[in-house]
Structure formats: C-alpha cells, structure tokens
Amino acid sequence: PYKVYKADEDAEYEKTYEIDLSSIKPTVAFPHLPENT
C-alpha cells in the first residue's frame, strides 16, 4: 500500500529555482567535486 503526498499551495521554501530543461546541455563534473561542472 502507498500514499501520495502533495505539497500545500502555501508550503514554505527557502528558495525556488526555475529550471528550463530544454536549455541544459550534456554536462561533465571535473575533478574533484561534483559541482565543478
């Protein structure tokens, strides 16, 4: 059995980021951190 939870409309977020998937290119993380993209 499972239960689906949806966020409330007035849920509080520290930040919201809008990500346009169509603008993303193949990406590589260089050494030595995953943020070094």
PDB file of all heavy atoms in Angstrom:
ATOM      1  N   PRO A   1       0.846  -1.205   0.000  1.00  0.00           N
ATOM      2  CA  PRO A   1       0.000   0.000   0.000  1.00  0.00           C
ATOM      3  C   PRO A   1       0.876   1.247   0.000  1.00  0.00           C
ATOM      4  O   PRO A   1       1.985   1.238   0.534  1.00  0.00           O
ATOM      5  CB  PRO A   1      -0.797  -0.119   1.306  1.00  0.00           C
ATOM      6  CG  PRO A   1      -0.008  -1.039   2.173  1.00  0.00           C
ATOM      7  CD  PRO A   1       0.732  -1.966   1.263  1.00  0.00           C
ATOM      8  N   TYR A   2       0.389   2.298  -0.618  1.00  0.00           N
ATOM      9  CA  TYR A   2       1.175   3.531  -0.668  1.00  0.00           C
ATOM     10  C   TYR A   2       0.262   4.738  -0.452  1.00  0.00           C
ATOM     11  O   TYR A   2      -0.973   4.632  -0.517  1.00  0.00           O
ATOM     12  CB  TYR A   2       1.908   3.660  -2.008  1.00  0.00           C
ATOM     13  CG  TYR A   2       1.006   3.710  -3.224  1.00  0.00           C
ATOM     14  CD1 TYR A   2       0.452   4.924  -3.667  1.00  0.00           C
ATOM     15  CD2 TYR A   2       0.700   2.557  -3.945  1.00  0.00           C
ATOM     16  CE1 TYR A   2      -0.374   4.968  -4.763  1.00  0.00           C
ATOM     17  CE2 TYR A   2      -0.125   2.594  -5.055  1.00  0.00           C
ATOM     18  CZ  TYR A   2      -0.660   3.803  -5.464  1.00  0.00           C
ATOM     19  OH  TYR A   2      -1.485   3.851  -6.562  1.00  0.00           O
ATOM     20  N   LYS A   3       0.867   5.870  -0.200  1.00  0.00           N
ATOM     21  CA  LYS A   3       0.120   7.107  -0.012  1.00  0.00           C
ATOM     22  C   LYS A   3       0.842   8.237  -0.736  1.00  0.00           C
ATOM     23  O   LYS A   3       2.051   8.396  -0.591  1.00  0.00           O
ATOM     24  CB  LYS A   3      -0.027   7.437   1.473  1.00  0.00           C
ATOM     25  CG  LYS A   3      -0.899   8.666   1.743  1.00  0.00           C
ATOM     26  CD  LYS A   3      -1.158   8.858   3.223  1.00  0.00           C
ATOM     27  CE  LYS A   3      -2.022  10.094   3.471  1.00  0.00           C
ATOM     28  NZ  LYS A   3      -2.283  10.297   4.931  1.00  0.00           N
ATOM     29  N   VAL A   4       0.076   8.977  -1.527  1.00  0.00           N
ATOM     30  CA  VAL A   4       0.648  10.093  -2.290  1.00  0.00           C
ATOM     31  C   VAL A   4       0.490  11.386  -1.482  1.00  0.00           C
ATOM     32  O   VAL A   4      -0.608  11.713  -1.024  1.00  0.00           O
ATOM     33  CB  VAL A   4      -0.051  10.229  -3.657  1.00  0.00           C
ATOM     34  CG1 VAL A   4       0.464  11.457  -4.405  1.00  0.00           C
ATOM     35  CG2 VAL A   4       0.158   8.968  -4.489  1.00  0.00           C
ATOM     36  N   TYR A   5       1.590  12.073  -1.296  1.00  0.00           N
ATOM     37  CA  TYR A   5       1.588  13.354  -0.580  1.00  0.00           C
ATOM     38  C   TYR A   5       1.892  14.477  -1.566  1.00  0.00           C
ATOM     39  O   TYR A   5       2.845  14.389  -2.333  1.00  0.00           O
ATOM     40  CB  TYR A   5       2.652  13.367   0.523  1.00  0.00           C
ATOM     41  CG  TYR A   5       2.365  12.414   1.657  1.00  0.00           C
ATOM     42  CD1 TYR A   5       2.732  11.072   1.569  1.00  0.00           C
ATOM     43  CD2 TYR A   5       1.734  12.841   2.817  1.00  0.00           C
ATOM     44  CE1 TYR A   5       2.481  10.183   2.601  1.00  0.00           C
ATOM     45  CE2 TYR A   5       1.482  11.972   3.871  1.00  0.00           C
ATOM     46  CZ  TYR A   5       1.851  10.642   3.751  1.00  0.00           C
ATOM     47  OH  TYR A   5       1.596   9.767   4.790  1.00  0.00           O
ATOM     48  N   LYS A   6       1.072  15.523  -1.535  1.00  0.00           N
ATOM     49  CA  LYS A   6       1.313  16.703  -2.374  1.00  0.00           C
ATOM     50  C   LYS A   6       1.610  17.895  -1.479  1.00  0.00           C
ATOM     51  O   LYS A   6       0.991  18.064  -0.434  1.00  0.00           O
ATOM     52  CB  LYS A   6       0.086  17.008  -3.235  1.00  0.00           C
ATOM     53  CG  LYS A   6       0.008  16.182  -4.504  1.00  0.00           C
ATOM     54  CD  LYS A   6      -1.035  16.763  -5.460  1.00  0.00           C
ATOM     55  CE  LYS A   6      -1.060  16.041  -6.789  1.00  0.00           C
ATOM     56  NZ  LYS A   6       0.180  16.151  -7.532  1.00  0.00           N
ATOM     57  N   ALA A   7       2.535  18.722  -1.892  1.00  0.00           N
ATOM     58  CA  ALA A   7       2.858  19.921  -1.121  1.00  0.00           C
ATOM     59  C   ALA A   7       1.654  20.862  -1.111  1.00  0.00           C
ATOM     60  O   ALA A   7       0.916  20.967  -2.095  1.00  0.00           O
ATOM     61  CB  ALA A   7       4.064  20.620  -1.738  1.00  0.00           C
ATOM     62  N   ASP A   8       1.459  21.533   0.012  1.00  0.00           N
ATOM     63  CA  ASP A   8       0.411  22.549   0.095  1.00  0.00           C
ATOM     64  C   ASP A   8       0.778  23.749  -0.775  1.00  0.00           C
ATOM     65  O   ASP A   8       1.960  24.040  -0.987  1.00  0.00           O
ATOM     66  CB  ASP A   8       0.229  23.017   1.546  1.00  0.00           C
ATOM     67  CG  ASP A   8      -0.375  21.930   2.433  1.00  0.00           C
ATOM     68  OD1 ASP A   8      -1.217  21.157   1.932  1.00  0.00           O
ATOM     69  OD2 ASP A   8       0.009  21.858   3.620  1.00  0.00           O
ATOM     70  N   GLU A   9      -0.252  24.445  -1.255  1.00  0.00           N
ATOM     71  CA  GLU A   9      -0.022  25.638  -2.068  1.00  0.00           C
ATOM     72  C   GLU A   9       0.800  26.685  -1.315  1.00  0.00           C
ATOM     73  O   GLU A   9       1.606  27.401  -1.908  1.00  0.00           O
ATOM     74  CB  GLU A   9      -1.370  26.251  -2.498  1.00  0.00           C
ATOM     75  CG  GLU A   9      -2.142  25.420  -3.514  1.00  0.00           C
ATOM     76  CD  GLU A   9      -1.468  25.387  -4.877  1.00  0.00           C
ATOM     77  OE1 GLU A   9      -0.833  26.388  -5.247  1.00  0.00           O
ATOM     78  OE2 GLU A   9      -1.561  24.343  -5.559  1.00  0.00           O
ATOM     79  N   ASP A  10       0.575  26.754   0.011  1.00  0.00           N
ATOM     80  CA  ASP A  10       1.283  27.777   0.802  1.00  0.00           C
ATOM     81  C   ASP A  10       2.484  27.198   1.558  1.00  0.00           C
ATOM     82  O   ASP A  10       2.934  27.760   2.558  1.00  0.00           O
ATOM     83  CB  ASP A  10       0.328  28.461   1.782  1.00  0.00           C
ATOM     84  CG  ASP A  10      -0.313  27.476   2.768  1.00  0.00           C
ATOM     85  OD1 ASP A  10      -0.259  26.251   2.514  1.00  0.00           O
ATOM     86  OD2 ASP A  10      -0.858  27.941   3.790  1.00  0.00           O
ATOM     87  N   ALA A  11       2.999  26.060   1.069  1.00  0.00           N
ATOM     88  CA  ALA A  11       4.209  25.488   1.689  1.00  0.00           C
ATOM     89  C   ALA A  11       5.358  26.491   1.583  1.00  0.00           C
ATOM     90  O   ALA A  11       5.451  27.249   0.613  1.00  0.00           O
ATOM     91  CB  ALA A  11       4.585  24.183   0.998  1.00  0.00           C
ATOM     92  N   GLU A  12       6.214  26.457   2.582  1.00  0.00           N
ATOM     93  CA  GLU A  12       7.308  27.427   2.643  1.00  0.00           C
ATOM     94  C   GLU A  12       8.595  26.806   2.116  1.00  0.00           C
ATOM     95  O   GLU A  12       8.997  25.725   2.535  1.00  0.00           O
ATOM     96  CB  GLU A  12       7.502  27.877   4.100  1.00  0.00           C
ATOM     97  CG  GLU A  12       8.420  29.075   4.244  1.00  0.00           C
ATOM     98  CD  GLU A  12       8.495  29.591   5.669  1.00  0.00           C
ATOM     99  OE1 GLU A  12       7.572  29.310   6.461  1.00  0.00           O
ATOM    100  OE2 GLU A  12       9.495  30.255   5.993  1.00  0.00           O
ATOM    101  N   TYR A  13       9.242  27.501   1.186  1.00  0.00           N
ATOM    102  CA  TYR A  13      10.513  27.060   0.617  1.00  0.00           C
ATOM    103  C   TYR A  13      11.568  28.128   0.859  1.00  0.00           C
ATOM    104  O   TYR A  13      11.291  29.321   0.717  1.00  0.00           O
ATOM    105  CB  TYR A  13      10.377  26.800  -0.883  1.00  0.00           C
ATOM    106  CG  TYR A  13       9.364  25.734  -1.222  1.00  0.00           C
ATOM    107  CD1 TYR A  13       8.055  26.086  -1.549  1.00  0.00           C
ATOM    108  CD2 TYR A  13       9.705  24.388  -1.179  1.00  0.00           C
ATOM    109  CE1 TYR A  13       7.102  25.112  -1.834  1.00  0.00           C
ATOM    110  CE2 TYR A  13       8.768  23.405  -1.464  1.00  0.00           C
ATOM    111  CZ  TYR A  13       7.472  23.774  -1.779  1.00  0.00           C
ATOM    112  OH  TYR A  13       6.537  22.803  -2.052  1.00  0.00           O
ATOM    113  N   GLU A  14      12.761  27.675   1.199  1.00  0.00           N
ATOM    114  CA  GLU A  14      13.839  28.648   1.397  1.00  0.00           C
ATOM    115  C   GLU A  14      14.160  29.357   0.085  1.00  0.00           C
ATOM    116  O   GLU A  14      14.414  30.549   0.055  1.00  0.00           O
ATOM    117  CB  GLU A  14      15.094  27.950   1.940  1.00  0.00           C
ATOM    118  CG  GLU A  14      16.146  28.938   2.372  1.00  0.00           C
ATOM    119  CD  GLU A  14      17.532  28.323   2.437  1.00  0.00           C
ATOM    120  OE1 GLU A  14      17.949  27.620   1.505  1.00  0.00           O
ATOM    121  OE2 GLU A  14      18.191  28.560   3.436  1.00  0.00           O
ATOM    122  N   LYS A  15      14.135  28.576  -1.010  1.00  0.00           N
ATOM    123  CA  LYS A  15      14.370  29.137  -2.340  1.00  0.00           C
ATOM    124  C   LYS A  15      13.551  28.342  -3.344  1.00  0.00           C
ATOM    125  O   LYS A  15      13.217  27.178  -3.116  1.00  0.00           O
ATOM    126  CB  LYS A  15      15.852  29.020  -2.736  1.00  0.00           C
ATOM    127  CG  LYS A  15      16.806  29.910  -1.976  1.00  0.00           C
ATOM    128  CD  LYS A  15      18.239  29.656  -2.431  1.00  0.00           C
ATOM    129  CE  LYS A  15      19.232  30.426  -1.566  1.00  0.00           C
ATOM    130  NZ  LYS A  15      20.613  29.990  -1.814  1.00  0.00           N
ATOM    131  N   THR A  16      13.271  28.973  -4.472  1.00  0.00           N
ATOM    132  CA  THR A  16      12.666  28.281  -5.603  1.00  0.00           C
ATOM    133  C   THR A  16      13.516  28.554  -6.838  1.00  0.00           C
ATOM    134  O   THR A  16      13.841  29.706  -7.130  1.00  0.00           O
ATOM    135  CB  THR A  16      11.219  28.742  -5.850  1.00  0.00           C
ATOM    136  OG1 THR A  16      10.399  28.361  -4.740  1.00  0.00           O
ATOM    137  CG2 THR A  16      10.647  28.106  -7.120  1.00  0.00           C
ATOM    138  N   TYR A  17      13.901  27.486  -7.526  1.00  0.00           N
ATOM    139  CA  TYR A  17      14.666  27.617  -8.770  1.00  0.00           C
ATOM    140  C   TYR A  17      13.802  27.147  -9.935  1.00  0.00           C
ATOM    141  O   TYR A  17      13.160  26.093  -9.855  1.00  0.00           O
ATOM    142  CB  TYR A  17      15.930  26.760  -8.728  1.00  0.00           C
ATOM    143  CG  TYR A  17      16.980  27.214  -7.747  1.00  0.00           C
ATOM    144  CD1 TYR A  17      17.056  26.640  -6.482  1.00  0.00           C
ATOM    145  CD2 TYR A  17      17.913  28.192  -8.082  1.00  0.00           C
ATOM    146  CE1 TYR A  17      18.032  27.031  -5.566  1.00  0.00           C
ATOM    147  CE2 TYR A  17      18.894  28.594  -7.183  1.00  0.00           C
ATOM    148  CZ  TYR A  17      18.945  28.013  -5.933  1.00  0.00           C
ATOM    149  OH  TYR A  17      19.911  28.411  -5.043  1.00  0.00           O
ATOM    150  N   GLU A  18      13.781  27.920 -11.004  1.00  0.00           N
ATOM    151  CA  GLU A  18      13.113  27.514 -12.243  1.00  0.00           C
ATOM    152  C   GLU A  18      14.183  26.926 -13.165  1.00  0.00           C
ATOM    153  O   GLU A  18      15.187  27.582 -13.467  1.00  0.00           O
ATOM    154  CB  GLU A  18      12.452  28.725 -12.909  1.00  0.00           C
ATOM    155  CG  GLU A  18      11.420  29.426 -12.039  1.00  0.00           C
ATOM    156  CD  GLU A  18      10.004  28.963 -12.309  1.00  0.00           C
ATOM    157  OE1 GLU A  18       9.786  28.303 -13.357  1.00  0.00           O
ATOM    158  OE2 GLU A  18       9.129  29.240 -11.473  1.00  0.00           O
ATOM    159  N   ILE A  19      13.981  25.694 -13.586  1.00  0.00           N
ATOM    160  CA  ILE A  19      14.961  25.011 -14.434  1.00  0.00           C
ATOM    161  C   ILE A  19      14.345  24.745 -15.802  1.00  0.00           C
ATOM    162  O   ILE A  19      13.345  24.022 -15.913  1.00  0.00           O
ATOM    163  CB  ILE A  19      15.409  23.668 -13.799  1.00  0.00           C
ATOM    164  CG1 ILE A  19      15.876  23.859 -12.345  1.00  0.00           C
ATOM    165  CG2 ILE A  19      16.467  23.001 -14.668  1.00  0.00           C
ATOM    166  CD1 ILE A  19      17.166  24.583 -12.178  1.00  0.00           C
ATOM    167  N   ASP A  20      14.928  25.332 -16.844  1.00  0.00           N
ATOM    168  CA  ASP A  20      14.469  25.095 -18.216  1.00  0.00           C
ATOM    169  C   ASP A  20      15.240  23.896 -18.775  1.00  0.00           C
ATOM    170  O   ASP A  20      16.416  24.007 -19.133  1.00  0.00           O
ATOM    171  CB  ASP A  20      14.707  26.346 -19.063  1.00  0.00           C
ATOM    172  CG  ASP A  20      14.311  26.136 -20.525  1.00  0.00           C
ATOM    173  OD1 ASP A  20      13.711  25.083 -20.846  1.00  0.00           O
ATOM    174  OD2 ASP A  20      14.616  27.026 -21.349  1.00  0.00           O
ATOM    175  N   LEU A  21      14.580  22.751 -18.820  1.00  0.00           N
ATOM    176  CA  LEU A  21      15.252  21.518 -19.255  1.00  0.00           C
ATOM    177  C   LEU A  21      15.768  21.621 -20.682  1.00  0.00           C
ATOM    178  O   LEU A  21      16.790  21.016 -21.023  1.00  0.00           O
ATOM    179  CB  LEU A  21      14.292  20.332 -19.120  1.00  0.00           C
ATOM    180  CG  LEU A  21      13.794  20.014 -17.701  1.00  0.00           C
ATOM    181  CD1 LEU A  21      12.779  18.874 -17.729  1.00  0.00           C
ATOM    182  CD2 LEU A  21      14.952  19.649 -16.780  1.00  0.00           C
ATOM    183  N   SER A  22      15.085  22.388 -21.527  1.00  0.00           N
ATOM    184  CA  SER A  22      15.486  22.478 -22.938  1.00  0.00           C
ATOM    185  C   SER A  22      16.810  23.222 -23.114  1.00  0.00           C
ATOM    186  O   SER A  22      17.454  23.109 -24.155  1.00  0.00           O
ATOM    187  CB  SER A  22      14.390  23.169 -23.755  1.00  0.00           C
ATOM    188  OG  SER A  22      14.263  24.528 -23.376  1.00  0.00           O
ATOM    189  N   SER A  23      17.210  23.976 -22.091  1.00  0.00           N
ATOM    190  CA  SER A  23      18.448  24.755 -22.205  1.00  0.00           C
ATOM    191  C   SER A  23      19.675  24.007 -21.695  1.00  0.00           C
ATOM    192  O   SER A  23      20.801  24.472 -21.854  1.00  0.00           O
ATOM    193  CB  SER A  23      18.305  26.070 -21.418  1.00  0.00           C
ATOM    194  OG  SER A  23      18.303  25.809 -20.018  1.00  0.00           O
ATOM    195  N   ILE A  24      19.459  22.831 -21.079  1.00  0.00           N
ATOM    196  CA  ILE A  24      20.573  22.090 -20.478  1.00  0.00           C
ATOM    197  C   ILE A  24      21.318  21.293 -21.550  1.00  0.00           C
ATOM    198  O   ILE A  24      20.711  20.614 -22.385  1.00  0.00           O
ATOM    199  CB  ILE A  24      20.061  21.171 -19.346  1.00  0.00           C
ATOM    200  CG1 ILE A  24      19.498  22.029 -18.202  1.00  0.00           C
ATOM    201  CG2 ILE A  24      21.181  20.263 -18.832  1.00  0.00           C
ATOM    202  CD1 ILE A  24      18.846  21.230 -17.097  1.00  0.00           C
ATOM    203  N   LYS A  25      22.637  21.376 -21.507  1.00  0.00           N
ATOM    204  CA  LYS A  25      23.490  20.615 -22.428  1.00  0.00           C
ATOM    205  C   LYS A  25      24.094  19.428 -21.685  1.00  0.00           C
ATOM    206  O   LYS A  25      24.132  19.431 -20.453  1.00  0.00           O
ATOM    207  CB  LYS A  25      24.625  21.514 -22.944  1.00  0.00           C
ATOM    208  CG  LYS A  25      24.170  22.729 -23.718  1.00  0.00           C
ATOM    209  CD  LYS A  25      25.372  23.590 -24.100  1.00  0.00           C
ATOM    210  CE  LYS A  25      24.950  24.841 -24.855  1.00  0.00           C
ATOM    211  NZ  LYS A  25      26.098  25.707 -25.182  1.00  0.00           N
ATOM    212  N   PRO A  26      24.578  18.410 -22.416  1.00  0.00           N
ATOM    213  CA  PRO A  26      25.327  17.342 -21.737  1.00  0.00           C
ATOM    214  C   PRO A  26      26.412  17.971 -20.857  1.00  0.00           C
ATOM    215  O   PRO A  26      27.125  18.877 -21.294  1.00  0.00           O
ATOM    216  CB  PRO A  26      25.923  16.546 -22.895  1.00  0.00           C
ATOM    217  CG  PRO A  26      24.941  16.743 -24.012  1.00  0.00           C
ATOM    218  CD  PRO A  26      24.462  18.157 -23.862  1.00  0.00           C
ATOM    219  N   THR A  27      26.490  17.502 -19.612  1.00  0.00           N
ATOM    220  CA  THR A  27      27.317  18.157 -18.595  1.00  0.00           C
ATOM    221  C   THR A  27      28.281  17.165 -17.958  1.00  0.00           C
ATOM    222  O   THR A  27      27.926  16.011 -17.724  1.00  0.00           O
ATOM    223  CB  THR A  27      26.400  18.784 -17.517  1.00  0.00           C
ATOM    224  OG1 THR A  27      25.518  19.723 -18.157  1.00  0.00           O
ATOM    225  CG2 THR A  27      27.197  19.505 -16.444  1.00  0.00           C
ATOM    226  N   VAL A  28      29.487  17.618 -17.683  1.00  0.00           N
ATOM    227  CA  VAL A  28      30.535  16.791 -17.079  1.00  0.00           C
ATOM    228  C   VAL A  28      31.033  17.477 -15.811  1.00  0.00           C
ATOM    229  O   VAL A  28      31.269  18.687 -15.808  1.00  0.00           O
ATOM    230  CB  VAL A  28      31.717  16.591 -18.051  1.00  0.00           C
ATOM    231  CG1 VAL A  28      32.815  15.747 -17.404  1.00  0.00           C
ATOM    232  CG2 VAL A  28      31.247  15.956 -19.354  1.00  0.00           C
ATOM    233  N   ALA A  29      31.175  16.708 -14.727  1.00  0.00           N
ATOM    234  CA  ALA A  29      31.771  17.243 -13.496  1.00  0.00           C
ATOM    235  C   ALA A  29      33.249  16.876 -13.480  1.00  0.00           C
ATOM    236  O   ALA A  29      33.611  15.701 -13.459  1.00  0.00           O
ATOM    237  CB  ALA A  29      31.065  16.683 -12.263  1.00  0.00           C
ATOM    238  N   PHE A  30      34.096  17.886 -13.501  1.00  0.00           N
ATOM    239  CA  PHE A  30      35.545  17.688 -13.464  1.00  0.00           C
ATOM    240  C   PHE A  30      35.993  17.408 -12.027  1.00  0.00           C
ATOM    241  O   PHE A  30      35.291  17.726 -11.064  1.00  0.00           O
ATOM    242  CB  PHE A  30      36.254  18.937 -14.005  1.00  0.00           C
ATOM    243  CG  PHE A  30      36.401  18.955 -15.504  1.00  0.00           C
ATOM    244  CD1 PHE A  30      35.316  18.710 -16.329  1.00  0.00           C
ATOM    245  CD2 PHE A  30      37.622  19.238 -16.101  1.00  0.00           C
ATOM    246  CE1 PHE A  30      35.444  18.719 -17.707  1.00  0.00           C
ATOM    247  CE2 PHE A  30      37.769  19.255 -17.477  1.00  0.00           C
ATOM    248  CZ  PHE A  30      36.673  18.994 -18.279  1.00  0.00           C
ATOM    249  N   PRO A  31      37.192  16.814 -11.883  1.00  0.00           N
ATOM    250  CA  PRO A  31      37.730  16.591 -10.536  1.00  0.00           C
ATOM    251  C   PRO A  31      37.868  17.936  -9.799  1.00  0.00           C
ATOM    252  O   PRO A  31      38.103  18.963 -10.424  1.00  0.00           O
ATOM    253  CB  PRO A  31      39.106  15.979 -10.802  1.00  0.00           C
ATOM    254  CG  PRO A  31      39.049  15.487 -12.223  1.00  0.00           C
ATOM    255  CD  PRO A  31      38.116  16.393 -12.931  1.00  0.00           C
ATOM    256  N   HIS A  32      37.742  17.895  -8.478  1.00  0.00           N
ATOM    257  CA  HIS A  32      37.480  16.741  -7.633  1.00  0.00           C
ATOM    258  C   HIS A  32      36.186  16.932  -6.847  1.00  0.00           C
ATOM    259  O   HIS A  32      36.055  16.452  -5.722  1.00  0.00           O
ATOM    260  CB  HIS A  32      38.639  16.506  -6.665  1.00  0.00           C
ATOM    261  CG  HIS A  32      39.899  16.002  -7.310  1.00  0.00           C
ATOM    262  ND1 HIS A  32      40.048  14.690  -7.701  1.00  0.00           N
ATOM    263  CD2 HIS A  32      41.042  16.602  -7.658  1.00  0.00           C
ATOM    264  CE1 HIS A  32      41.251  14.526  -8.240  1.00  0.00           C
ATOM    265  NE2 HIS A  32      41.867  15.671  -8.221  1.00  0.00           N
ATOM    266  N   LEU A  33      35.210  17.623  -7.472  1.00  0.00           N
ATOM    267  CA  LEU A  33      33.914  17.830  -6.828  1.00  0.00           C
ATOM    268  C   LEU A  33      32.801  17.771  -7.873  1.00  0.00           C
ATOM    269  O   LEU A  33      32.971  18.260  -8.994  1.00  0.00           O
ATOM    270  CB  LEU A  33      33.857  19.200  -6.135  1.00  0.00           C
ATOM    271  CG  LEU A  33      34.580  19.358  -4.792  1.00  0.00           C
ATOM    272  CD1 LEU A  33      34.519  20.810  -4.346  1.00  0.00           C
ATOM    273  CD2 LEU A  33      33.976  18.450  -3.718  1.00  0.00           C
ATOM    274  N   PRO A  34      31.637  17.230  -7.492  1.00  0.00           N
ATOM    275  CA  PRO A  34      30.511  17.190  -8.436  1.00  0.00           C
ATOM    276  C   PRO A  34      30.024  18.574  -8.878  1.00  0.00           C
ATOM    277  O   PRO A  34      29.332  18.688  -9.882  1.00  0.00           O
ATOM    278  CB  PRO A  34      29.418  16.446  -7.643  1.00  0.00           C
ATOM    279  CG  PRO A  34      30.173  15.609  -6.664  1.00  0.00           C
ATOM    280  CD  PRO A  34      31.363  16.444  -6.271  1.00  0.00           C
ATOM    281  N   GLU A  35      30.383  19.636  -8.126  1.00  0.00           N
ATOM    282  CA  GLU A  35      29.960  20.987  -8.510  1.00  0.00           C
ATOM    283  C   GLU A  35      30.845  21.587  -9.597  1.00  0.00           C
ATOM    284  O   GLU A  35      30.506  22.628 -10.181  1.00  0.00           O
ATOM    285  CB  GLU A  35      29.976  21.916  -7.290  1.00  0.00           C
ATOM    286  CG  GLU A  35      31.373  22.268  -6.794  1.00  0.00           C
ATOM    287  CD  GLU A  35      31.393  23.178  -5.569  1.00  0.00           C
ATOM    288  OE1 GLU A  35      30.329  23.354  -4.925  1.00  0.00           O
ATOM    289  OE2 GLU A  35      32.469  23.702  -5.245  1.00  0.00           O
ATOM    290  N   ASN A  36      31.961  20.948  -9.903  1.00  0.00           N
ATOM    291  CA  ASN A  36      32.937  21.501 -10.840  1.00  0.00           C
ATOM    292  C   ASN A  36      32.524  21.152 -12.276  1.00  0.00           C
ATOM    293  O   ASN A  36      33.211  20.417 -12.990  1.00  0.00           O
ATOM    294  CB  ASN A  36      34.323  20.952 -10.503  1.00  0.00           C
ATOM    295  CG  ASN A  36      35.431  21.669 -11.236  1.00  0.00           C
ATOM    296  OD1 ASN A  36      35.231  22.731 -11.798  1.00  0.00           O
ATOM    297  ND2 ASN A  36      36.614  21.062 -11.241  1.00  0.00           N
ATOM    298  N   THR A  37      31.390  21.701 -12.689  1.00  0.00           N
ATOM    299  CA  THR A  37      30.770  21.259 -13.941  1.00  0.00           C
ATOM    300  C   THR A  37      31.132  22.130 -15.136  1.00  0.00           C
ATOM    301  O   THR A  37      31.359  23.336 -15.011  1.00  0.00           O
ATOM    302  CB  THR A  37      29.236  21.226 -13.802  1.00  0.00           C
ATOM    303  OG1 THR A  37      28.779  22.510 -13.362  1.00  0.00           O
ATOM    304  CG2 THR A  37      28.797  20.166 -12.811  1.00  0.00           C
TER     305      THR A  37
END
